[in-house]
Amino acid sequence: MKRYSAFFSVFATALFLALSLDAQAQDTVGVATNASGEKYLVDSKGMSLYYYTKDKTGDSDCNGNCLKVWPAFYVPTVSVSPSLDAADFGTITRADGAKQTTYMGWPLYYWVRDKQPGDITGEGVGKVWYILKVPAYTVMISTDAKLGNYLVDGKGMTLYWFTKDSPATSDGSGAANANWPAFAPDSFVVPSALDAADFKMIARGDGTRQATYKGYPLYYFVKDQMRGDVAGQGVKDVWYVIDPAKFPAE
């Protein structure tokens, strides 16, 4: 009887492990946790996935030699762990004709120097490559050839500041202008290049709330219709994008 009991115990353990592996295999995108306790996107084998700040329009700007060290991630069908939403993932066709999976509109990549699950050696490389945290970033960095790095929301829409604002105060002429809606996320999740403590919420004169960066209120511009648009840059010489490394200007 003990022999049968031992057999069924081993069988049950083997079956449990097999079912666990099958469940993991079904998730083409999962979530891992780094040493700091931050959760981030990985593939089915636990290899880290990254976004590239220069992919500001949602197309891949990584080609040629770039793609050799930052290979594109692609799966035909995205299935995800419970903490993710498959609807946040999509597919683009790259300039070379290949497919690439996206998350919140950002194309996903591997880093060739990550050798095993848990490696995130690509984090912050060139100040343009970052892991994708879970929950998703609410503020990100995008990069433009002329403007350099600048702040965007989690979907890549440009954020602006108004030079007539005072710290922690939205100026009346800006606050009342429907062309410049306030940015007001529910929380601040940011890449390692940013400090979440630099972002806060203030109460505006109309009773609504608005996010600030280093004390200055953040806005959208209504003429920016899609990610990558920076139509508000320099409007009336008082509206500008924000380079986090140079803001506020001395």
Protein backbone atom coordinates (compact mmCIF):
# COMPACT_ATOMS: atom_id res chain seq x y z
CA MET A 1 0.00 0.00 0.00
CA LYS A 2 2.84 2.34 0.83
CA ARG A 3 4.36 1.55 -2.56
CA TYR A 4 1.14 2.63 -4.34
CA SER A 5 0.93 5.71 -2.14
CA ALA A 6 4.48 6.72 -3.05
CA PHE A 7 3.72 6.10 -6.74
CA PHE A 8 0.64 8.30 -6.74
CA SER A 9 2.50 11.00 -4.82
CA VAL A 10 5.25 11.10 -7.45
CA PHE A 11 2.65 10.97 -10.24
CA ALA A 12 0.65 13.83 -8.72
CA THR A 13 3.81 15.95 -8.34
CA ALA A 14 4.82 15.29 -11.95
CA LEU A 15 1.32 16.13 -13.17
CA PHE A 16 1.29 19.39 -11.18
CA LEU A 17 4.65 20.44 -12.65
CA ALA A 18 3.51 19.55 -16.16
CA LEU A 19 0.33 21.59 -15.78
CA SER A 20 2.34 24.53 -14.39
CA LEU A 21 4.73 24.44 -17.32
CA ASP A 22 1.82 24.22 -19.75
CA ALA A 23 0.21 27.24 -18.10
CA GLN A 24 3.44 29.21 -18.35
CA ALA A 25 3.92 28.15 -21.97
CA GLN A 26 0.51 29.61 -22.84
CA ASP A 27 1.66 33.09 -21.82
CA THR A 28 3.67 34.54 -24.69
CA VAL A 29 4.18 37.68 -22.58
CA GLY A 30 4.58 37.57 -18.82
CA VAL A 31 5.69 39.58 -15.82
CA ALA A 32 8.92 39.28 -13.84
CA THR A 33 10.14 41.06 -10.72
CA ASN A 34 13.58 42.67 -10.37
CA ALA A 35 15.73 43.02 -7.26
CA SER A 36 14.02 46.33 -6.40
CA GLY A 37 10.60 44.69 -6.43
CA GLU A 38 9.57 46.34 -9.71
CA LYS A 39 7.53 44.23 -12.12
CA TYR A 40 8.32 44.34 -15.84
CA LEU A 41 7.50 42.65 -19.16
CA VAL A 42 9.25 39.45 -20.25
CA ASP A 43 8.72 36.84 -22.92
CA SER A 44 7.57 33.27 -22.25
CA LYS A 45 11.13 32.28 -21.23
CA GLY A 46 11.55 35.20 -18.82
CA MET A 47 13.77 37.30 -21.09
CA SER A 48 13.38 41.06 -20.64
CA LEU A 49 11.55 43.22 -23.18
CA TYR A 50 12.45 46.86 -23.84
CA TYR A 51 11.10 50.00 -25.49
CA TYR A 52 13.09 52.51 -27.55
CA THR A 53 12.43 56.21 -26.94
CA LYS A 54 13.05 57.04 -30.60
CA ASP A 55 10.02 54.98 -31.62
CA LYS A 56 7.91 58.07 -30.97
CA THR A 57 5.38 57.46 -33.76
CA GLY A 58 4.83 53.78 -32.94
CA ASP A 59 6.95 52.55 -35.85
CA SER A 60 10.36 51.01 -35.27
CA ASP A 61 13.30 53.38 -35.62
CA CYS A 62 15.76 50.56 -34.87
CA ASN A 63 17.16 49.13 -38.10
CA GLY A 64 20.40 47.75 -39.52
CA ASN A 65 23.13 47.47 -36.89
CA CYS A 66 20.71 48.62 -34.20
CA LEU A 67 18.52 45.60 -34.84
CA LYS A 68 21.51 43.26 -34.49
CA VAL A 69 21.92 44.20 -30.84
CA TRP A 70 18.25 44.99 -30.14
CA PRO A 71 16.35 42.19 -31.92
CA ALA A 72 12.65 42.77 -32.47
CA PHE A 73 10.22 40.73 -30.37
CA TYR A 74 7.30 39.15 -32.21
CA VAL A 75 4.68 36.54 -31.44
CA PRO A 76 1.76 35.89 -33.82
CA THR A 77 -0.72 35.62 -30.94
CA VAL A 78 -0.32 37.38 -27.61
CA SER A 79 -1.51 35.58 -24.50
CA VAL A 80 -0.72 37.18 -21.18
CA SER A 81 -0.53 36.62 -17.45
CA PRO A 82 -3.51 37.83 -15.33
CA SER A 83 -1.81 41.14 -14.45
CA LEU A 84 -1.73 42.14 -18.13
CA ASP A 85 -4.38 42.92 -20.76
CA ALA A 86 -3.95 41.31 -24.18
CA ALA A 87 -5.76 44.32 -25.70
CA ASP A 88 -2.71 46.47 -24.85
CA PHE A 89 -0.61 44.50 -27.33
CA GLY A 90 -0.56 44.88 -31.09
CA THR A 91 1.50 44.19 -34.19
CA ILE A 92 3.27 46.48 -36.64
CA THR A 93 4.95 45.74 -39.95
CA ARG A 94 8.50 47.06 -39.89
CA ALA A 95 10.19 48.82 -42.83
CA ASP A 96 12.00 45.56 -43.61
CA GLY A 97 8.66 43.75 -43.90
CA ALA A 98 9.03 41.78 -40.67
CA LYS A 99 6.39 41.81 -37.93
CA GLN A 100 6.97 43.22 -34.43
CA THR A 101 4.83 43.08 -31.30
CA THR A 102 3.93 46.33 -29.56
CA TYR A 103 2.79 47.23 -26.03
CA MET A 104 0.70 50.37 -25.53
CA GLY A 105 1.86 51.29 -29.04
CA TRP A 106 5.59 50.89 -28.29
CA PRO A 107 7.50 48.27 -30.34
CA LEU A 108 9.19 45.63 -28.16
CA TYR A 109 12.80 44.47 -28.30
CA TYR A 110 15.33 42.15 -26.71
CA TRP A 111 18.87 43.22 -25.72
CA VAL A 112 21.59 40.93 -27.04
CA ARG A 113 23.64 41.17 -23.83
CA ASP A 114 20.85 39.76 -21.69
CA LYS A 115 21.93 36.14 -21.43
CA GLN A 116 19.43 34.63 -19.02
CA PRO A 117 16.05 35.31 -17.40
CA GLY A 118 16.31 38.13 -14.88
CA ASP A 119 18.97 40.05 -16.82
CA ILE A 120 18.02 43.69 -17.44
CA THR A 121 21.43 44.95 -18.58
CA GLY A 122 19.78 46.98 -21.33
CA GLU A 123 18.04 49.27 -18.84
CA GLY A 124 19.01 52.90 -19.52
CA VAL A 125 21.45 52.12 -22.34
CA GLY A 126 22.16 55.33 -24.22
CA LYS A 127 19.38 56.96 -22.20
CA VAL A 128 16.98 55.66 -24.85
CA TRP A 129 16.32 52.00 -23.90
CA TYR A 130 14.12 50.96 -20.97
CA ILE A 131 12.21 47.99 -19.63
CA LEU A 132 8.40 48.15 -19.57
CA LYS A 133 7.12 48.28 -16.02
CA VAL A 134 3.87 46.72 -14.84
CA PRO A 135 1.55 48.54 -14.15
CA ALA A 136 2.31 50.43 -17.36
CA TYR A 137 4.18 53.72 -17.39
CA THR A 138 1.94 56.77 -17.07
CA VAL A 139 4.84 59.08 -17.99
CA MET A 140 7.56 58.09 -20.45
CA ILE A 141 10.47 59.58 -22.34
CA SER A 142 10.36 60.02 -26.10
CA THR A 143 13.17 61.22 -28.35
CA ASP A 144 13.04 63.51 -31.37
CA ALA A 145 15.95 64.18 -33.73
CA LYS A 146 15.58 67.96 -33.24
CA LEU A 147 14.10 68.27 -29.76
CA GLY A 148 16.06 65.51 -28.04
CA ASN A 149 14.40 63.77 -25.08
CA TYR A 150 11.01 64.99 -23.90
CA LEU A 151 8.15 63.85 -21.66
CA VAL A 152 5.14 62.00 -23.02
CA ASP A 153 2.28 60.10 -21.42
CA GLY A 154 2.09 56.31 -21.41
CA LYS A 155 0.66 56.23 -24.94
CA GLY A 156 3.31 58.54 -26.36
CA MET A 157 1.31 61.78 -26.43
CA THR A 158 3.47 64.85 -25.85
CA LEU A 159 3.34 66.79 -22.57
CA TYR A 160 4.02 70.55 -22.39
CA TRP A 161 4.69 73.26 -19.85
CA PHE A 162 3.54 76.89 -19.91
CA THR A 163 6.18 79.50 -19.14
CA LYS A 164 3.62 81.82 -17.53
CA ASP A 165 2.82 79.25 -14.84
CA SER A 166 4.34 79.54 -11.40
CA PRO A 167 5.38 76.41 -9.49
CA ALA A 168 2.31 74.45 -8.27
CA THR A 169 -0.02 76.98 -9.93
CA SER A 170 -1.74 76.84 -13.30
CA ASP A 171 -1.97 80.36 -14.75
CA GLY A 172 -5.52 81.50 -15.53
CA SER A 173 -4.88 82.12 -19.22
CA GLY A 174 -3.52 78.62 -19.62
CA ALA A 175 -5.94 76.79 -17.32
CA ALA A 176 -8.98 78.26 -19.07
CA ASN A 177 -7.69 77.54 -22.55
CA ALA A 178 -9.43 74.47 -23.97
CA ASN A 179 -6.56 74.06 -26.42
CA TRP A 180 -4.29 72.93 -23.60
CA PRO A 181 -6.02 70.18 -21.55
CA ALA A 182 -4.50 69.31 -18.21
CA PHE A 183 -2.59 66.06 -17.80
CA ALA A 184 -3.99 64.21 -14.80
CA PRO A 185 -3.07 60.52 -14.48
CA ASP A 186 -4.27 58.33 -11.63
CA SER A 187 -0.70 57.53 -10.60
CA PHE A 188 2.91 58.12 -11.59
CA VAL A 189 4.78 55.14 -13.01
CA VAL A 190 8.01 56.27 -14.68
CA PRO A 191 11.19 54.85 -16.27
CA SER A 192 14.43 54.70 -14.26
CA ALA A 193 15.64 57.91 -15.95
CA LEU A 194 12.89 59.81 -14.12
CA ASP A 195 12.16 60.28 -10.44
CA ALA A 196 8.53 59.66 -9.50
CA ALA A 197 8.98 62.10 -6.60
CA ASP A 198 9.31 64.93 -9.17
CA PHE A 199 5.68 64.40 -10.16
CA LYS A 200 2.81 65.61 -8.02
CA MET A 201 -0.85 66.57 -8.30
CA ILE A 202 -2.27 70.05 -7.66
CA ALA A 203 -5.80 71.45 -7.41
CA ARG A 204 -6.60 73.94 -10.17
CA GLY A 205 -8.75 77.02 -9.81
CA ASP A 206 -11.71 75.23 -11.44
CA GLY A 207 -11.54 72.43 -8.87
CA THR A 208 -10.01 69.83 -11.18
CA ARG A 209 -6.64 68.19 -10.63
CA GLN A 210 -3.48 68.48 -12.69
CA ALA A 211 -0.10 66.78 -12.69
CA THR A 212 3.09 68.77 -12.23
CA TYR A 213 6.73 68.03 -12.99
CA LYS A 214 9.27 69.66 -10.70
CA GLY A 215 6.45 71.98 -9.66
CA TYR A 216 5.23 73.02 -13.12
CA PRO A 217 1.80 71.95 -14.45
CA LEU A 218 1.69 69.57 -17.42
CA TYR A 219 -0.56 69.94 -20.46
CA TYR A 220 -1.55 68.32 -23.74
CA PHE A 221 -2.11 70.31 -26.96
CA VAL A 222 -5.34 69.66 -28.87
CA LYS A 223 -3.63 69.90 -32.26
CA ASP A 224 -1.48 66.88 -31.40
CA GLN A 225 -3.64 64.21 -32.99
CA MET A 226 -1.38 61.20 -32.62
CA ARG A 227 1.71 59.99 -30.80
CA GLY A 228 4.87 61.70 -32.01
CA ASP A 229 3.10 65.00 -32.75
CA VAL A 230 4.79 68.06 -31.23
CA ALA A 231 2.65 70.78 -32.80
CA GLY A 232 2.57 72.68 -29.50
CA GLN A 233 6.31 73.23 -29.38
CA GLY A 234 7.08 76.96 -29.30
CA VAL A 235 3.45 78.13 -29.68
CA LYS A 236 3.41 81.89 -28.93
CA ASP A 237 6.87 81.41 -27.46
CA VAL A 238 5.35 80.24 -24.17
CA TRP A 239 4.54 76.54 -24.70
CA TYR A 240 7.33 73.96 -24.82
CA VAL A 241 8.10 70.28 -24.51
CA ILE A 242 10.10 69.20 -21.44
CA ASP A 243 13.59 67.74 -21.61
CA PRO A 244 13.84 66.21 -18.12
CA ALA A 245 17.64 66.59 -18.04
CA LYS A 246 17.43 70.34 -18.67
CA PHE A 247 14.24 71.29 -16.85
CA PRO A 248 13.62 73.74 -15.38
CA ALA A 249 16.04 75.97 -17.25
CA GLU A 250 18.23 78.07 -15.01
